[in-house]
Structure formats: C-alpha cells, structure tokens
N, C-alpha and C. Protein backbone atom coordinates (compact mmCIF):
# COMPACT_ATOMS: atom_id res chain seq x y z
N MET A 1 -12.13 5.26 -1.04
CA MET A 1 -11.41 5.61 0.26
C MET A 1 -12.15 4.38 1.23
N ARG A 2 -11.43 3.43 0.87
CA ARG A 2 -11.86 2.09 1.39
C ARG A 2 -11.42 2.34 3.15
N PHE A 3 -10.36 2.66 3.09
CA PHE A 3 -9.84 2.89 4.70
C PHE A 3 -11.00 3.68 5.78
N LEU A 4 -11.58 4.46 4.97
CA LEU A 4 -12.81 5.21 5.65
C LEU A 4 -13.98 4.19 5.95
N CYS A 5 -14.19 3.40 5.46
CA CYS A 5 -15.10 2.42 5.50
C CYS A 5 -14.87 1.51 6.91
N THR A 6 -13.95 1.56 7.35
CA THR A 6 -13.37 0.75 8.39
C THR A 6 -13.99 1.46 9.82
N THR A 7 -13.94 2.81 9.55
CA THR A 7 -14.51 3.43 11.00
C THR A 7 -16.36 3.78 11.00
N ARG A 8 -16.91 3.31 10.07
CA ARG A 8 -18.16 3.57 9.99
C ARG A 8 -19.00 1.97 10.27
N GLU A 9 -20.14 1.87 10.77
CA GLU A 9 -21.02 0.99 10.74
C GLU A 9 -21.43 0.39 9.35
N ASN A 10 -22.15 1.67 8.90
CA ASN A 10 -22.93 2.02 7.53
C ASN A 10 -22.19 2.35 6.71
N SER A 11 -21.38 1.40 5.99
CA SER A 11 -20.18 1.91 4.72
C SER A 11 -20.97 2.21 3.63
N ASN A 12 -22.09 1.93 3.43
CA ASN A 12 -22.71 2.18 1.86
C ASN A 12 -22.51 3.72 1.64
N HIS A 13 -22.64 4.67 2.50
CA HIS A 13 -22.56 6.02 2.09
C HIS A 13 -21.37 6.57 2.83
N LEU A 14 -20.60 7.34 2.18
CA LEU A 14 -19.75 8.28 2.79
C LEU A 14 -20.24 9.95 2.36
N SER A 15 -20.06 10.64 3.49
CA SER A 15 -20.43 11.93 3.13
C SER A 15 -19.45 12.69 2.58
N GLU A 16 -19.67 13.96 2.05
CA GLU A 16 -18.79 14.76 1.12
C GLU A 16 -17.72 14.66 2.15
N GLN A 17 -17.96 15.37 3.45
CA GLN A 17 -16.89 15.59 4.42
C GLN A 17 -15.88 14.50 4.61
N ALA A 18 -16.61 13.50 4.93
CA ALA A 18 -15.76 12.03 5.17
C ALA A 18 -14.76 11.68 3.61
N ILE A 19 -15.38 12.20 2.45
CA ILE A 19 -14.47 11.92 1.37
C ILE A 19 -13.26 13.20 1.43
N LYS A 20 -13.70 14.15 1.59
CA LYS A 20 -12.68 15.17 1.74
C LYS A 20 -11.57 15.01 2.60
N ARG A 21 -11.87 14.31 4.15
CA ARG A 21 -10.87 13.89 4.82
C ARG A 21 -9.99 12.99 4.17
N GLY A 22 -10.49 12.04 3.61
CA GLY A 22 -9.78 11.00 2.99
C GLY A 22 -8.96 11.22 1.84
N VAL A 23 -9.13 12.38 1.17
CA VAL A 23 -8.41 13.07 0.26
C VAL A 23 -7.16 13.61 1.12
N TYR A 24 -7.47 14.48 1.99
CA TYR A 24 -6.53 15.21 3.01
C TYR A 24 -5.31 14.05 3.43
N GLN A 25 -5.93 12.76 3.91
CA GLN A 25 -5.13 12.22 4.66
C GLN A 25 -4.29 11.73 3.60
N VAL A 26 -4.53 11.46 2.37
CA VAL A 26 -3.52 10.80 1.31
C VAL A 26 -2.70 12.07 1.10
N LEU A 27 -2.96 13.10 0.86
CA LEU A 27 -2.19 14.23 0.59
C LEU A 27 -1.11 14.35 1.67
N VAL A 28 -1.53 14.18 2.85
CA VAL A 28 -0.42 14.13 3.99
C VAL A 28 0.52 12.95 4.12
N LEU A 29 0.25 12.23 3.76
CA LEU A 29 1.13 11.07 3.41
C LEU A 29 1.92 11.28 2.28
N GLU A 30 1.61 12.16 1.56
CA GLU A 30 2.65 12.39 0.01
C GLU A 30 3.28 13.59 0.44
N ALA A 31 2.81 14.44 1.67
CA ALA A 31 3.78 15.45 1.73
C ALA A 31 5.19 15.52 1.88
N GLY A 32 5.83 14.54 2.26
CA GLY A 32 7.35 14.23 2.30
C GLY A 32 7.88 14.30 1.06
N PHE A 33 7.29 14.21 -0.18
CA PHE A 33 7.68 13.98 -1.29
C PHE A 33 7.56 14.81 -2.25
N VAL A 34 6.90 16.19 -1.65
CA VAL A 34 6.32 17.23 -2.57
C VAL A 34 7.88 18.31 -2.82
N THR A 35 8.02 18.43 -3.69
CA THR A 35 9.39 19.44 -4.28
C THR A 35 8.84 20.91 -3.47
N GLU A 36 10.01 21.71 -3.41
CA GLU A 36 9.64 23.16 -2.94
C GLU A 36 8.96 23.92 -3.93
N GLN A 37 9.12 23.48 -5.56
CA GLN A 37 8.26 24.04 -6.41
C GLN A 37 6.76 23.95 -6.19
N ALA A 38 6.43 22.65 -5.79
CA ALA A 38 4.91 22.43 -5.71
C ALA A 38 4.49 22.71 -4.46
N ARG A 39 5.29 23.39 -3.42
CA ARG A 39 4.96 23.18 -1.72
C ARG A 39 3.89 24.27 -1.88
N ASP A 40 3.53 25.19 -2.31
CA ASP A 40 2.59 26.31 -2.19
C ASP A 40 0.95 25.78 -2.81
N GLU A 41 1.35 24.90 -3.57
CA GLU A 41 -0.04 24.50 -4.45
C GLU A 41 -0.52 23.21 -3.23
N VAL A 42 0.51 22.54 -2.88
CA VAL A 42 0.03 21.36 -2.12
C VAL A 42 -0.45 21.87 -0.66
N ASN A 43 0.17 22.98 -0.45
CA ASN A 43 -0.44 23.43 0.87
C ASN A 43 -1.73 23.97 0.74
N ALA A 44 -2.34 24.68 -0.51
CA ALA A 44 -3.43 25.19 -1.05
C ALA A 44 -4.51 23.92 -0.66
N LEU A 45 -3.99 22.71 -1.17
CA LEU A 45 -4.82 21.58 -1.27
C LEU A 45 -5.19 21.13 -0.19
N PHE A 46 -4.20 21.17 1.13
CA PHE A 46 -4.42 21.04 2.54
C PHE A 46 -5.56 21.64 2.85
N GLU A 47 -5.44 23.20 3.00
CA GLU A 47 -6.71 23.80 3.10
C GLU A 47 -8.12 23.41 2.59
N GLU A 48 -7.54 23.46 1.41
CA GLU A 48 -9.29 22.86 0.89
C GLU A 48 -9.83 21.73 1.01
N PHE A 49 -8.94 20.47 1.52
CA PHE A 49 -9.65 19.19 1.72
C PHE A 49 -9.58 19.10 3.01
N TYR A 50 -9.17 19.87 4.05
CA TYR A 50 -9.15 19.34 5.56
C TYR A 50 -10.54 19.69 6.12
N VAL A 51 -10.72 18.42 6.98
CA VAL A 51 -12.20 18.50 7.93
C VAL A 51 -11.60 17.86 9.01
N PRO A 52 -12.12 18.31 10.17
CA PRO A 52 -11.61 17.87 11.11
C PRO A 52 -12.38 16.17 11.34
N LEU A 53 -11.40 15.39 12.00
CA LEU A 53 -11.70 13.70 12.16
C LEU A 53 -13.24 13.74 12.61
N ALA A 54 -13.80 14.58 13.73
CA ALA A 54 -14.61 14.14 14.28
C ALA A 54 -15.83 14.75 13.52
N GLN A 55 -15.39 15.44 12.44
CA GLN A 55 -16.79 16.13 11.59
C GLN A 55 -17.08 15.07 10.37
N ALA A 56 -15.86 14.59 10.26
CA ALA A 56 -15.72 13.55 8.89
C ALA A 56 -16.51 12.25 9.41
N LEU A 57 -16.59 11.75 10.61
CA LEU A 57 -17.13 10.63 11.23
C LEU A 57 -18.65 10.79 11.33
N GLU A 58 -19.19 11.93 11.71
CA GLU A 58 -20.47 12.07 11.88
C GLU A 58 -21.44 11.61 11.10
N ASP A 59 -22.25 11.07 11.28
CA ASP A 59 -23.61 10.27 10.72
C ASP A 59 -24.11 11.35 9.64
N VAL A 60 -24.44 10.95 8.35
CA VAL A 60 -25.26 11.96 7.39
C VAL A 60 -26.41 11.98 7.90
N LYS A 61 -26.88 13.39 8.14
CA LYS A 61 -28.25 13.22 8.38
C LYS A 61 -29.38 13.33 7.07
C-alpha cells in the first residue's frame, strides 16, 4: 500500500484500518470492470473493507 505511506509522516507502520482503506480504494478503482455476475460479491467486499478516510489516517496509539 505504498500510496498510503505518502499521507503519513511515519510510514514505518500502517494500521489495520489504513490497510483496509487501501484495499477498499483498489476495489473501487476496479469496480467499473466487475461483471454483473460478480457484483454482489464485490459489493460485499466494499462493505467489509470500507473505513472512513479520517479514521484510516489516525495515528496508531
């Protein structure tokens, strides 16, 4: 999730929430290529991996 590292000063550690957000962002980019057959499964993945951006960027405590 290299692109996530550009939003944090300390990029040595990414929280689980930040990684989930990164996966979600990749899924969203690919959403236009999903077939109707797979749409329900991909929507379930959207729900599983969605984390609000502000929450993903919070420092790990």
